[in-house]
């Protein structure tokens, strides 16, 4: 027995390394990744985001959405930031992103300041990840720790890839959940991350079918609160020139990150059909009701789900690069 003891120690240590250390080595992400390389990184990102929100309160939601749209298409690797050229097809022109995703210039400005302080050190993807966290925090939401060390990708998805991977406000809860699970997320993450709609705006075309022709019926969505319906029909008349008008996703507090979005759903006042659909499933409805009553629980869970999302398909080491300009591959 005594002769086998060193072997057992070695074997147990190997198992420990395999099950506990291997994921850390594989991801190569670290909460203190830039502590020595770029100690003022968080401060630089926070100032850049603060300046942008001070100039345009919508920018908090825009930066959060930019991060989401980047991560859900082939992972968090900054492909959404790449400009299209005559020889390169990017993601900015894809239907869900064109004339919709904003904040590129904010990331550019932050990147320029970071490059001055720490040349060729911080990836654009990490800046986007931190900017989303800071945007939520500055809007009154939670603060969560972000593991860093991502690299930027050298390729981008085509239009069909963007459409296939990004959830749409016109999709069923089942389809949206399927897209989340394909990224390693779950049904709870669907509800939690949908709570990001507590800030920001939506264009009329994203919910107009609920106002005039729900499910091809020729009538409004019967689940929509009557007073809200009348208000929305006034803002978004049934004509093409109203498609791009903006409506707050969470009218009571469109610039403040809180849990009122969930209270809206409980009261049948969700703007997007994909949001209100959360009340049509027992599991998701239970979570919605919980978050409508307990804002602290929502804040805690939102930070956890955002941290999970930020680890989708990350590139590390030689698998990617640190772009000098976020819009072009080095």
C-alpha atoms as a PDB file:
ATOM      1  CA  UNK A   1       0.000   0.000   0.000  1.00  0.00           C
ATOM      2  CA  UNK A   2       2.801   2.365   0.909  1.00  0.00           C
ATOM      3  CA  UNK A   3       4.529   1.724  -2.428  1.00  0.00           C
ATOM      4  CA  UNK A   4       1.371   2.767  -4.317  1.00  0.00           C
ATOM      5  CA  UNK A   5       0.857   5.979  -2.345  1.00  0.00           C
ATOM      6  CA  UNK A   6       3.163   8.228  -4.453  1.00  0.00           C
ATOM      7  CA  UNK A   7       1.485   6.857  -7.576  1.00  0.00           C
ATOM      8  CA  UNK A   8      -1.947   7.653  -6.168  1.00  0.00           C
ATOM      9  CA  UNK A   9      -0.786  11.143  -5.272  1.00  0.00           C
ATOM     10  CA  UNK A  10       0.490  11.696  -8.797  1.00  0.00           C
ATOM     11  CA  UNK A  11      -2.671  10.222 -10.301  1.00  0.00           C
ATOM     12  CA  UNK A  12      -4.938  12.409  -8.158  1.00  0.00           C
ATOM     13  CA  UNK A  13      -2.851  15.475  -9.003  1.00  0.00           C
ATOM     14  CA  UNK A  14      -3.152  14.662 -12.692  1.00  0.00           C
ATOM     15  CA  UNK A  15      -6.911  14.374 -12.383  1.00  0.00           C
ATOM     16  CA  UNK A  16      -6.996  17.713 -10.564  1.00  0.00           C
ATOM     17  CA  UNK A  17      -5.037  19.329 -13.392  1.00  0.00           C
ATOM     18  CA  UNK A  18      -7.256  17.763 -16.007  1.00  0.00           C
ATOM     19  CA  UNK A  19     -10.595  18.746 -14.541  1.00  0.00           C
ATOM     20  CA  UNK A  20      -9.787  22.030 -12.809  1.00  0.00           C
ATOM     21  CA  UNK A  21      -6.728  23.601 -14.398  1.00  0.00           C
ATOM     22  CA  UNK A  22      -7.182  22.520 -18.021  1.00  0.00           C
ATOM     23  CA  UNK A  23     -10.129  24.863 -18.688  1.00  0.00           C
ATOM     24  CA  UNK A  24      -8.054  27.771 -17.382  1.00  0.00           C
ATOM     25  CA  UNK A  25      -5.060  26.852 -19.516  1.00  0.00           C
ATOM     26  CA  UNK A  26      -7.294  26.296 -22.525  1.00  0.00           C
ATOM     27  CA  UNK A  27      -9.044  29.628 -22.252  1.00  0.00           C
ATOM     28  CA  UNK A  28      -5.898  31.563 -21.324  1.00  0.00           C
ATOM     29  CA  UNK A  29      -8.134  34.289 -19.958  1.00  0.00           C
ATOM     30  CA  UNK A  30      -7.226  35.956 -16.693  1.00  0.00           C
ATOM     31  CA  UNK A  31      -8.934  38.555 -14.527  1.00  0.00           C
ATOM     32  CA  UNK A  32      -5.551  40.260 -14.060  1.00  0.00           C
ATOM     33  CA  UNK A  33      -4.292  39.775 -17.596  1.00  0.00           C
ATOM     34  CA  UNK A  34      -3.460  43.451 -18.157  1.00  0.00           C
ATOM     35  CA  UNK A  35      -2.518  44.426 -14.603  1.00  0.00           C
ATOM     36  CA  UNK A  36       1.161  44.725 -15.508  1.00  0.00           C
ATOM     37  CA  UNK A  37       0.826  45.243 -19.271  1.00  0.00           C
ATOM     38  CA  UNK A  38      -1.788  48.022 -19.208  1.00  0.00           C
ATOM     39  CA  UNK A  39      -2.680  48.955 -15.627  1.00  0.00           C
ATOM     40  CA  UNK A  40      -4.909  51.889 -16.581  1.00  0.00           C
ATOM     41  CA  UNK A  41      -7.013  49.928 -19.076  1.00  0.00           C
ATOM     42  CA  UNK A  42     -10.250  49.878 -17.093  1.00  0.00           C
ATOM     43  CA  UNK A  43      -9.945  53.580 -16.341  1.00  0.00           C
ATOM     44  CA  UNK A  44      -9.396  54.402 -20.020  1.00  0.00           C
ATOM     45  CA  UNK A  45     -12.368  52.312 -21.126  1.00  0.00           C
ATOM     46  CA  UNK A  46     -14.629  53.712 -18.434  1.00  0.00           C
ATOM     47  CA  UNK A  47     -13.762  57.293 -19.352  1.00  0.00           C
ATOM     48  CA  UNK A  48     -14.394  56.599 -23.028  1.00  0.00           C
ATOM     49  CA  UNK A  49     -17.770  55.031 -22.303  1.00  0.00           C
ATOM     50  CA  UNK A  50     -18.710  57.773 -19.850  1.00  0.00           C
ATOM     51  CA  UNK A  51     -17.888  60.458 -22.409  1.00  0.00           C
ATOM     52  CA  UNK A  52     -19.955  58.691 -25.062  1.00  0.00           C
ATOM     53  CA  UNK A  53     -22.988  58.278 -22.789  1.00  0.00           C
ATOM     54  CA  UNK A  54     -22.710  61.891 -21.626  1.00  0.00           C
ATOM     55  CA  UNK A  55     -23.003  62.899 -25.277  1.00  0.00           C
ATOM     56  CA  UNK A  56     -25.743  60.363 -26.131  1.00  0.00           C
ATOM     57  CA  UNK A  57     -27.579  58.407 -23.445  1.00  0.00           C
ATOM     58  CA  UNK A  58     -28.599  55.768 -26.032  1.00  0.00           C
ATOM     59  CA  UNK A  59     -24.951  54.758 -26.334  1.00  0.00           C
ATOM     60  CA  UNK A  60     -25.075  52.594 -23.201  1.00  0.00           C
ATOM     61  CA  UNK A  61     -27.560  50.242 -24.848  1.00  0.00           C
ATOM     62  CA  UNK A  62     -25.725  50.473 -28.170  1.00  0.00           C
ATOM     63  CA  UNK A  63     -22.418  49.298 -26.713  1.00  0.00           C
ATOM     64  CA  UNK A  64     -24.131  46.447 -24.907  1.00  0.00           C
ATOM     65  CA  UNK A  65     -25.865  45.405 -28.115  1.00  0.00           C
ATOM     66  CA  UNK A  66     -22.645  45.645 -30.123  1.00  0.00           C
ATOM     67  CA  UNK A  67     -21.027  43.168 -27.730  1.00  0.00           C
ATOM     68  CA  UNK A  68     -23.999  40.794 -28.020  1.00  0.00           C
ATOM     69  CA  UNK A  69     -24.052  40.907 -31.827  1.00  0.00           C
ATOM     70  CA  UNK A  70     -20.322  40.270 -31.977  1.00  0.00           C
ATOM     71  CA  UNK A  71     -20.320  37.319 -29.582  1.00  0.00           C
ATOM     72  CA  UNK A  72     -23.287  35.513 -31.098  1.00  0.00           C
ATOM     73  CA  UNK A  73     -21.736  35.364 -34.558  1.00  0.00           C
ATOM     74  CA  UNK A  74     -18.780  32.951 -34.438  1.00  0.00           C
ATOM     75  CA  UNK A  75     -17.799  34.033 -30.947  1.00  0.00           C
ATOM     76  CA  UNK A  76     -16.409  37.100 -29.188  1.00  0.00           C
ATOM     77  CA  UNK A  77     -13.565  37.954 -31.553  1.00  0.00           C
ATOM     78  CA  UNK A  78     -14.308  41.439 -32.833  1.00  0.00           C
ATOM     79  CA  UNK A  79     -15.361  40.401 -36.332  1.00  0.00           C
ATOM     80  CA  UNK A  80     -18.294  42.826 -36.232  1.00  0.00           C
ATOM     81  CA  UNK A  81     -15.860  45.751 -36.037  1.00  0.00           C
ATOM     82  CA  UNK A  82     -14.213  44.987 -39.380  1.00  0.00           C
ATOM     83  CA  UNK A  83     -15.064  47.299 -42.271  1.00  0.00           C
ATOM     84  CA  UNK A  84     -16.036  45.880 -45.625  1.00  0.00           C
ATOM     85  CA  UNK A  85     -13.722  46.473 -48.580  1.00  0.00           C
ATOM     86  CA  UNK A  86     -13.657  45.445 -52.213  1.00  0.00           C
ATOM     87  CA  UNK A  87     -11.853  42.275 -51.180  1.00  0.00           C
ATOM     88  CA  UNK A  88     -13.315  41.663 -47.720  1.00  0.00           C
ATOM     89  CA  UNK A  89     -16.938  40.960 -46.788  1.00  0.00           C
ATOM     90  CA  UNK A  90     -17.732  42.047 -43.244  1.00  0.00           C
ATOM     91  CA  UNK A  91     -20.706  41.715 -40.895  1.00  0.00           C
ATOM     92  CA  UNK A  92     -21.673  45.381 -40.599  1.00  0.00           C
ATOM     93  CA  UNK A  93     -23.799  45.250 -43.732  1.00  0.00           C
ATOM     94  CA  UNK A  94     -25.778  42.157 -42.707  1.00  0.00           C
ATOM     95  CA  UNK A  95     -29.492  42.817 -42.181  1.00  0.00           C
ATOM     96  CA  UNK A  96     -29.511  42.595 -38.346  1.00  0.00           C
ATOM     97  CA  UNK A  97     -26.562  45.016 -38.133  1.00  0.00           C
ATOM     98  CA  UNK A  98     -26.977  47.484 -40.989  1.00  0.00           C
ATOM     99  CA  UNK A  99     -28.304  50.891 -39.866  1.00  0.00           C
ATOM    100  CA  UNK A 100     -28.887  49.287 -36.486  1.00  0.00           C
ATOM    101  CA  UNK A 101     -25.716  48.457 -34.561  1.00  0.00           C
ATOM    102  CA  UNK A 102     -23.995  51.580 -33.244  1.00  0.00           C
ATOM    103  CA  UNK A 103     -20.949  52.491 -31.195  1.00  0.00           C
ATOM    104  CA  UNK A 104     -18.128  51.670 -33.590  1.00  0.00           C
ATOM    105  CA  UNK A 105     -16.685  55.159 -33.296  1.00  0.00           C
ATOM    106  CA  UNK A 106     -16.726  54.894 -29.485  1.00  0.00           C
ATOM    107  CA  UNK A 107     -14.643  51.724 -29.646  1.00  0.00           C
ATOM    108  CA  UNK A 108     -12.301  53.453 -32.119  1.00  0.00           C
ATOM    109  CA  UNK A 109     -11.775  56.363 -29.736  1.00  0.00           C
ATOM    110  CA  UNK A 110     -11.133  54.100 -26.756  1.00  0.00           C
ATOM    111  CA  UNK A 111      -8.769  51.949 -28.801  1.00  0.00           C
ATOM    112  CA  UNK A 112      -6.783  55.042 -29.877  1.00  0.00           C
ATOM    113  CA  UNK A 113      -6.303  56.110 -26.262  1.00  0.00           C
ATOM    114  CA  UNK A 114      -5.392  52.591 -25.184  1.00  0.00           C
ATOM    115  CA  UNK A 115      -2.843  52.333 -27.996  1.00  0.00           C
ATOM    116  CA  UNK A 116      -1.189  55.543 -26.807  1.00  0.00           C
ATOM    117  CA  UNK A 117      -0.874  54.149 -23.293  1.00  0.00           C
ATOM    118  CA  UNK A 118      -0.200  50.488 -24.161  1.00  0.00           C
ATOM    119  CA  UNK A 119       0.788  49.990 -27.818  1.00  0.00           C
ATOM    120  CA  UNK A 120      -0.121  46.658 -29.444  1.00  0.00           C
ATOM    121  CA  UNK A 121      -1.212  45.201 -26.102  1.00  0.00           C
ATOM    122  CA  UNK A 122      -5.010  45.205 -25.756  1.00  0.00           C
ATOM    123  CA  UNK A 123      -7.309  43.541 -28.269  1.00  0.00           C
ATOM    124  CA  UNK A 124     -10.331  45.290 -29.702  1.00  0.00           C
ATOM    125  CA  UNK A 125     -12.441  42.369 -28.476  1.00  0.00           C
ATOM    126  CA  UNK A 126     -11.403  42.934 -24.874  1.00  0.00           C
ATOM    127  CA  UNK A 127     -12.189  46.634 -25.260  1.00  0.00           C
ATOM    128  CA  UNK A 128     -15.685  45.804 -26.537  1.00  0.00           C
ATOM    129  CA  UNK A 129     -16.185  43.384 -23.647  1.00  0.00           C
ATOM    130  CA  UNK A 130     -15.117  45.933 -21.061  1.00  0.00           C
ATOM    131  CA  UNK A 131     -17.091  48.717 -22.745  1.00  0.00           C
ATOM    132  CA  UNK A 132     -20.294  46.680 -22.457  1.00  0.00           C
ATOM    133  CA  UNK A 133     -19.664  46.110 -18.754  1.00  0.00           C
ATOM    134  CA  UNK A 134     -18.914  49.777 -18.152  1.00  0.00           C
ATOM    135  CA  UNK A 135     -21.984  50.865 -20.132  1.00  0.00           C
ATOM    136  CA  UNK A 136     -24.264  48.762 -17.942  1.00  0.00           C
ATOM    137  CA  UNK A 137     -22.548  49.934 -14.769  1.00  0.00           C
ATOM    138  CA  UNK A 138     -22.708  53.625 -15.721  1.00  0.00           C
ATOM    139  CA  UNK A 139     -26.401  53.198 -16.570  1.00  0.00           C
ATOM    140  CA  UNK A 140     -27.046  52.072 -12.996  1.00  0.00           C
ATOM    141  CA  UNK A 141     -26.670  48.343 -13.531  1.00  0.00           C
ATOM    142  CA  UNK A 142     -24.413  45.711 -11.983  1.00  0.00           C
ATOM    143  CA  UNK A 143     -20.637  45.461 -12.133  1.00  0.00           C
ATOM    144  CA  UNK A 144     -19.087  42.072 -12.795  1.00  0.00           C
ATOM    145  CA  UNK A 145     -15.537  40.819 -13.150  1.00  0.00           C
ATOM    146  CA  UNK A 146     -14.323  40.202 -16.695  1.00  0.00           C
ATOM    147  CA  UNK A 147     -11.582  37.716 -17.548  1.00  0.00           C
ATOM    148  CA  UNK A 148      -9.344  39.173 -20.253  1.00  0.00           C
ATOM    149  CA  UNK A 149      -6.801  38.082 -22.820  1.00  0.00           C
ATOM    150  CA  UNK A 150      -8.969  37.662 -25.933  1.00  0.00           C
ATOM    151  CA  UNK A 151      -7.471  38.005 -29.375  1.00  0.00           C
ATOM    152  CA  UNK A 152      -9.098  39.581 -32.408  1.00  0.00           C
ATOM    153  CA  UNK A 153     -10.229  37.420 -35.299  1.00  0.00           C
ATOM    154  CA  UNK A 154      -8.963  37.761 -38.855  1.00  0.00           C
ATOM    155  CA  UNK A 155     -12.184  36.764 -40.605  1.00  0.00           C
ATOM    156  CA  UNK A 156     -15.884  37.627 -40.549  1.00  0.00           C
ATOM    157  CA  UNK A 157     -19.107  35.765 -41.239  1.00  0.00           C
ATOM    158  CA  UNK A 158     -21.204  36.232 -44.373  1.00  0.00           C
ATOM    159  CA  UNK A 159     -24.761  37.556 -44.282  1.00  0.00           C
ATOM    160  CA  UNK A 160     -26.357  34.138 -43.980  1.00  0.00           C
ATOM    161  CA  UNK A 161     -24.080  33.265 -41.072  1.00  0.00           C
ATOM    162  CA  UNK A 162     -25.143  36.408 -39.234  1.00  0.00           C
ATOM    163  CA  UNK A 163     -28.829  35.719 -39.856  1.00  0.00           C
ATOM    164  CA  UNK A 164     -28.518  32.077 -38.829  1.00  0.00           C
ATOM    165  CA  UNK A 165     -26.790  32.821 -35.540  1.00  0.00           C
ATOM    166  CA  UNK A 166     -28.337  36.041 -34.239  1.00  0.00           C
ATOM    167  CA  UNK A 167     -31.703  35.801 -32.475  1.00  0.00           C
ATOM    168  CA  UNK A 168     -34.438  37.859 -34.124  1.00  0.00           C
ATOM    169  CA  UNK A 169     -37.343  39.737 -32.498  1.00  0.00           C
ATOM    170  CA  UNK A 170     -39.620  37.925 -34.944  1.00  0.00           C
ATOM    171  CA  UNK A 171     -38.573  34.430 -33.861  1.00  0.00           C
ATOM    172  CA  UNK A 172     -40.332  32.074 -31.477  1.00  0.00           C
ATOM    173  CA  UNK A 173     -38.995  31.476 -27.989  1.00  0.00           C
ATOM    174  CA  UNK A 174     -38.116  27.940 -29.074  1.00  0.00           C
ATOM    175  CA  UNK A 175     -35.923  29.177 -31.927  1.00  0.00           C
ATOM    176  CA  UNK A 176     -34.265  31.830 -29.812  1.00  0.00           C
ATOM    177  CA  UNK A 177     -33.534  29.300 -27.079  1.00  0.00           C
ATOM    178  CA  UNK A 178     -32.015  26.979 -29.660  1.00  0.00           C
ATOM    179  CA  UNK A 179     -29.634  29.722 -30.756  1.00  0.00           C
ATOM    180  CA  UNK A 180     -28.641  30.384 -27.163  1.00  0.00           C
ATOM    181  CA  UNK A 181     -28.009  26.728 -26.389  1.00  0.00           C
ATOM    182  CA  UNK A 182     -25.882  26.407 -29.523  1.00  0.00           C
ATOM    183  CA  UNK A 183     -23.568  28.959 -27.891  1.00  0.00           C
ATOM    184  CA  UNK A 184     -23.357  27.142 -24.571  1.00  0.00           C
ATOM    185  CA  UNK A 185     -26.016  29.268 -22.894  1.00  0.00           C
ATOM    186  CA  UNK A 186     -29.338  28.072 -21.464  1.00  0.00           C
ATOM    187  CA  UNK A 187     -32.985  29.041 -21.026  1.00  0.00           C
ATOM    188  CA  UNK A 188     -32.226  31.079 -17.919  1.00  0.00           C
ATOM    189  CA  UNK A 189     -29.649  33.063 -19.884  1.00  0.00           C
ATOM    190  CA  UNK A 190     -32.336  33.805 -22.486  1.00  0.00           C
ATOM    191  CA  UNK A 191     -34.480  35.476 -19.830  1.00  0.00           C
ATOM    192  CA  UNK A 192     -31.610  37.206 -18.060  1.00  0.00           C
ATOM    193  CA  UNK A 193     -29.958  38.622 -21.169  1.00  0.00           C
ATOM    194  CA  UNK A 194     -33.333  39.688 -22.573  1.00  0.00           C
ATOM    195  CA  UNK A 195     -33.357  41.981 -19.553  1.00  0.00           C
ATOM    196  CA  UNK A 196     -30.807  44.096 -21.403  1.00  0.00           C
ATOM    197  CA  UNK A 197     -33.888  45.598 -23.058  1.00  0.00           C
ATOM    198  CA  UNK A 198     -34.375  47.616 -19.905  1.00  0.00           C
ATOM    199  CA  UNK A 199     -32.321  50.271 -21.755  1.00  0.00           C
ATOM    200  CA  UNK A 200     -32.353  51.400 -25.350  1.00  0.00           C
ATOM    201  CA  UNK A 201     -34.777  51.754 -28.212  1.00  0.00           C
ATOM    202  CA  UNK A 202     -36.242  49.657 -31.016  1.00  0.00           C
ATOM    203  CA  UNK A 203     -37.220  50.663 -34.521  1.00  0.00           C
ATOM    204  CA  UNK A 204     -40.936  50.463 -35.326  1.00  0.00           C
ATOM    205  CA  UNK A 205     -40.491  47.746 -37.930  1.00  0.00           C
ATOM    206  CA  UNK A 206     -39.263  45.329 -35.253  1.00  0.00           C
ATOM    207  CA  UNK A 207     -42.661  45.234 -33.546  1.00  0.00           C
ATOM    208  CA  UNK A 208     -45.112  46.719 -36.067  1.00  0.00           C
ATOM    209  CA  UNK A 209     -46.678  43.315 -36.900  1.00  0.00           C
ATOM    210  CA  UNK A 210     -47.949  43.209 -33.303  1.00  0.00           C
ATOM    211  CA  UNK A 211     -49.810  46.475 -33.902  1.00  0.00           C
ATOM    212  CA  UNK A 212     -51.588  45.688 -37.146  1.00  0.00           C
ATOM    213  CA  UNK A 213     -51.190  42.122 -38.375  1.00  0.00           C
ATOM    214  CA  UNK A 214     -50.226  39.771 -35.589  1.00  0.00           C
ATOM    215  CA  UNK A 215     -49.510  36.308 -36.938  1.00  0.00           C
ATOM    216  CA  UNK A 216     -51.104  37.255 -40.259  1.00  0.00           C
ATOM    217  CA  UNK A 217     -54.493  37.758 -38.588  1.00  0.00           C
ATOM    218  CA  UNK A 218     -55.009  41.298 -39.794  1.00  0.00           C
ATOM    219  CA  UNK A 219     -55.520  42.345 -36.165  1.00  0.00           C
ATOM    220  CA  UNK A 220     -53.284  43.545 -33.303  1.00  0.00           C
ATOM    221  CA  UNK A 221     -51.717  41.145 -30.825  1.00  0.00           C
ATOM    222  CA  UNK A 222     -54.532  40.431 -28.326  1.00  0.00           C
ATOM    223  CA  UNK A 223     -52.001  40.073 -25.513  1.00  0.00           C
ATOM    224  CA  UNK A 224     -50.755  43.649 -25.922  1.00  0.00           C
ATOM    225  CA  UNK A 225     -51.998  46.131 -23.330  1.00  0.00           C
ATOM    226  CA  UNK A 226     -54.725  48.265 -24.953  1.00  0.00           C
ATOM    227  CA  UNK A 227     -53.395  51.646 -23.852  1.00  0.00           C
ATOM    228  CA  UNK A 228     -49.888  50.719 -24.968  1.00  0.00           C
ATOM    229  CA  UNK A 229     -51.275  49.532 -28.314  1.00  0.00           C
ATOM    230  CA  UNK A 230     -52.992  52.855 -28.951  1.00  0.00           C
ATOM    231  CA  UNK A 231     -49.873  54.780 -27.997  1.00  0.00           C
ATOM    232  CA  UNK A 232     -47.651  52.698 -30.257  1.00  0.00           C
ATOM    233  CA  UNK A 233     -50.039  52.980 -33.197  1.00  0.00           C
ATOM    234  CA  UNK A 234     -49.810  56.741 -32.826  1.00  0.00           C
ATOM    235  CA  UNK A 235     -46.020  56.674 -32.947  1.00  0.00           C
ATOM    236  CA  UNK A 236     -45.756  53.931 -35.565  1.00  0.00           C
ATOM    237  CA  UNK A 237     -48.588  54.344 -38.104  1.00  0.00           C
ATOM    238  CA  UNK A 238     -49.086  51.495 -40.538  1.00  0.00           C
ATOM    239  CA  UNK A 239     -46.974  52.977 -43.313  1.00  0.00           C
ATOM    240  CA  UNK A 240     -43.424  52.405 -44.503  1.00  0.00           C
ATOM    241  CA  UNK A 241     -42.063  55.830 -43.566  1.00  0.00           C
ATOM    242  CA  UNK A 242     -42.504  55.033 -39.867  1.00  0.00           C
ATOM    243  CA  UNK A 243     -40.400  51.858 -39.931  1.00  0.00           C
ATOM    244  CA  UNK A 244     -37.225  53.483 -38.613  1.00  0.00           C
ATOM    245  CA  UNK A 245     -38.839  55.596 -35.900  1.00  0.00           C
ATOM    246  CA  UNK A 246     -37.513  54.807 -32.439  1.00  0.00           C
ATOM    247  CA  UNK A 247     -39.525  53.699 -29.409  1.00  0.00           C
ATOM    248  CA  UNK A 248     -38.126  53.040 -25.937  1.00  0.00           C
ATOM    249  CA  UNK A 249     -37.953  49.359 -25.064  1.00  0.00           C
ATOM    250  CA  UNK A 250     -38.657  50.218 -21.430  1.00  0.00           C
ATOM    251  CA  UNK A 251     -40.503  53.579 -21.402  1.00  0.00           C
ATOM    252  CA  UNK A 252     -40.521  54.077 -17.610  1.00  0.00           C
ATOM    253  CA  UNK A 253     -36.708  54.139 -17.469  1.00  0.00           C
ATOM    254  CA  UNK A 254     -35.184  53.801 -20.940  1.00  0.00           C
ATOM    255  CA  UNK A 255     -31.806  55.202 -19.848  1.00  0.00           C
ATOM    256  CA  UNK A 256     -31.542  53.432 -16.495  1.00  0.00           C
ATOM    257  CA  UNK A 257     -30.589  49.793 -16.097  1.00  0.00           C
ATOM    258  CA  UNK A 258     -33.146  48.311 -13.696  1.00  0.00           C
ATOM    259  CA  UNK A 259     -35.755  45.539 -13.507  1.00  0.00           C
ATOM    260  CA  UNK A 260     -38.764  47.491 -14.808  1.00  0.00           C
ATOM    261  CA  UNK A 261     -38.482  45.600 -18.113  1.00  0.00           C
ATOM    262  CA  UNK A 262     -39.720  42.490 -16.296  1.00  0.00           C
ATOM    263  CA  UNK A 263     -42.577  44.373 -14.666  1.00  0.00           C
ATOM    264  CA  UNK A 264     -43.610  45.469 -18.154  1.00  0.00           C
ATOM    265  CA  UNK A 265     -43.787  41.841 -19.272  1.00  0.00           C
ATOM    266  CA  UNK A 266     -45.899  40.871 -16.279  1.00  0.00           C
ATOM    267  CA  UNK A 267     -48.294  43.675 -17.263  1.00  0.00           C
ATOM    268  CA  UNK A 268     -48.424  42.583 -20.941  1.00  0.00           C
ATOM    269  CA  UNK A 269     -46.504  45.705 -21.919  1.00  0.00           C
ATOM    270  CA  UNK A 270     -43.427  44.198 -23.499  1.00  0.00           C
ATOM    271  CA  UNK A 271     -42.549  45.968 -26.746  1.00  0.00           C
ATOM    272  CA  UNK A 272     -41.078  43.123 -28.788  1.00  0.00           C
ATOM    273  CA  UNK A 273     -43.015  39.933 -29.387  1.00  0.00           C
ATOM    274  CA  UNK A 274     -39.875  37.943 -28.542  1.00  0.00           C
ATOM    275  CA  UNK A 275     -39.838  39.644 -25.143  1.00  0.00           C
ATOM    276  CA  UNK A 276     -43.518  39.204 -24.328  1.00  0.00           C
ATOM    277  CA  UNK A 277     -43.236  35.537 -25.391  1.00  0.00           C
ATOM    278  CA  UNK A 278     -41.258  34.944 -22.192  1.00  0.00           C
ATOM    279  CA  UNK A 279     -44.590  35.051 -20.363  1.00  0.00           C
ATOM    280  CA  UNK A 280     -45.974  32.236 -22.511  1.00  0.00           C
ATOM    281  CA  UNK A 281     -43.711  29.533 -21.086  1.00  0.00           C
ATOM    282  CA  UNK A 282     -44.007  28.365 -17.478  1.00  0.00           C
ATOM    283  CA  UNK A 283     -40.270  28.239 -16.847  1.00  0.00           C
ATOM    284  CA  UNK A 284     -39.423  31.609 -18.360  1.00  0.00           C
ATOM    285  CA  UNK A 285     -42.529  33.268 -16.918  1.00  0.00           C
ATOM    286  CA  UNK A 286     -41.486  32.153 -13.438  1.00  0.00           C
ATOM    287  CA  UNK A 287     -38.093  33.781 -13.911  1.00  0.00           C
ATOM    288  CA  UNK A 288     -39.680  36.967 -15.261  1.00  0.00           C
ATOM    289  CA  UNK A 289     -41.916  37.217 -12.198  1.00  0.00           C
ATOM    290  CA  UNK A 290     -38.948  36.616  -9.889  1.00  0.00           C
ATOM    291  CA  UNK A 291     -36.882  39.349 -11.523  1.00  0.00           C
ATOM    292  CA  UNK A 292     -39.852  41.736 -11.534  1.00  0.00           C
ATOM    293  CA  UNK A 293     -39.920  41.445  -7.733  1.00  0.00           C
ATOM    294  CA  UNK A 294     -36.241  41.099  -6.894  1.00  0.00           C
ATOM    295  CA  UNK A 295     -33.975  43.601  -8.721  1.00  0.00           C
ATOM    296  CA  UNK A 296     -30.887  42.460  -6.828  1.00  0.00           C
ATOM    297  CA  UNK A 297     -31.357  38.900  -8.069  1.00  0.00           C
ATOM    298  CA  UNK A 298     -31.628  40.153 -11.641  1.00  0.00           C
ATOM    299  CA  UNK A 299     -28.457  42.204 -11.253  1.00  0.00           C
ATOM    300  CA  UNK A 300     -26.507  39.251  -9.912  1.00  0.00           C
ATOM    301  CA  UNK A 301     -27.740  36.890 -12.605  1.00  0.00           C
ATOM    302  CA  UNK A 302     -27.204  39.424 -15.369  1.00  0.00           C
ATOM    303  CA  UNK A 303     -23.534  39.773 -14.492  1.00  0.00           C
ATOM    304  CA  UNK A 304     -23.136  35.987 -14.437  1.00  0.00           C
ATOM    305  CA  UNK A 305     -24.838  35.538 -17.815  1.00  0.00           C
ATOM    306  CA  UNK A 306     -22.805  38.339 -19.372  1.00  0.00           C
ATOM    307  CA  UNK A 307     -19.602  36.714 -18.167  1.00  0.00           C
ATOM    308  CA  UNK A 308     -20.722  33.444 -19.795  1.00  0.00           C
ATOM    309  CA  UNK A 309     -21.583  35.172 -23.050  1.00  0.00           C
ATOM    310  CA  UNK A 310     -18.229  36.942 -23.128  1.00  0.00           C
ATOM    311  CA  UNK A 311     -16.498  33.554 -23.252  1.00  0.00           C
ATOM    312  CA  UNK A 312     -18.284  32.301 -26.373  1.00  0.00           C
ATOM    313  CA  UNK A 313     -15.796  31.191 -29.002  1.00  0.00           C
ATOM    314  CA  UNK A 314     -12.918  33.343 -27.758  1.00  0.00           C
ATOM    315  CA  UNK A 315      -9.565  33.310 -29.519  1.00  0.00           C
ATOM    316  CA  UNK A 316      -6.364  33.318 -27.486  1.00  0.00           C
ATOM    317  CA  UNK A 317      -2.634  33.193 -28.152  1.00  0.00           C
ATOM    318  CA  UNK A 318      -1.662  32.561 -31.753  1.00  0.00           C
ATOM    319  CA  UNK A 319      -5.255  31.839 -32.786  1.00  0.00           C
ATOM    320  CA  UNK A 320      -5.864  35.554 -33.217  1.00  0.00           C
ATOM    321  CA  UNK A 321      -4.155  38.919 -33.207  1.00  0.00           C
ATOM    322  CA  UNK A 322      -4.162  42.279 -31.466  1.00  0.00           C
ATOM    323  CA  UNK A 323      -5.399  44.692 -34.093  1.00  0.00           C
ATOM    324  CA  UNK A 324      -3.843  48.123 -34.212  1.00  0.00           C
ATOM    325  CA  UNK A 325      -6.976  49.457 -35.887  1.00  0.00           C
ATOM    326  CA  UNK A 326     -10.221  47.740 -34.899  1.00  0.00           C
ATOM    327  CA  UNK A 327     -11.682  48.188 -38.403  1.00  0.00           C
ATOM    328  CA  UNK A 328      -9.010  46.263 -40.315  1.00  0.00           C
ATOM    329  CA  UNK A 329      -6.971  43.112 -39.906  1.00  0.00           C
ATOM    330  CA  UNK A 330      -3.290  43.805 -39.264  1.00  0.00           C
END
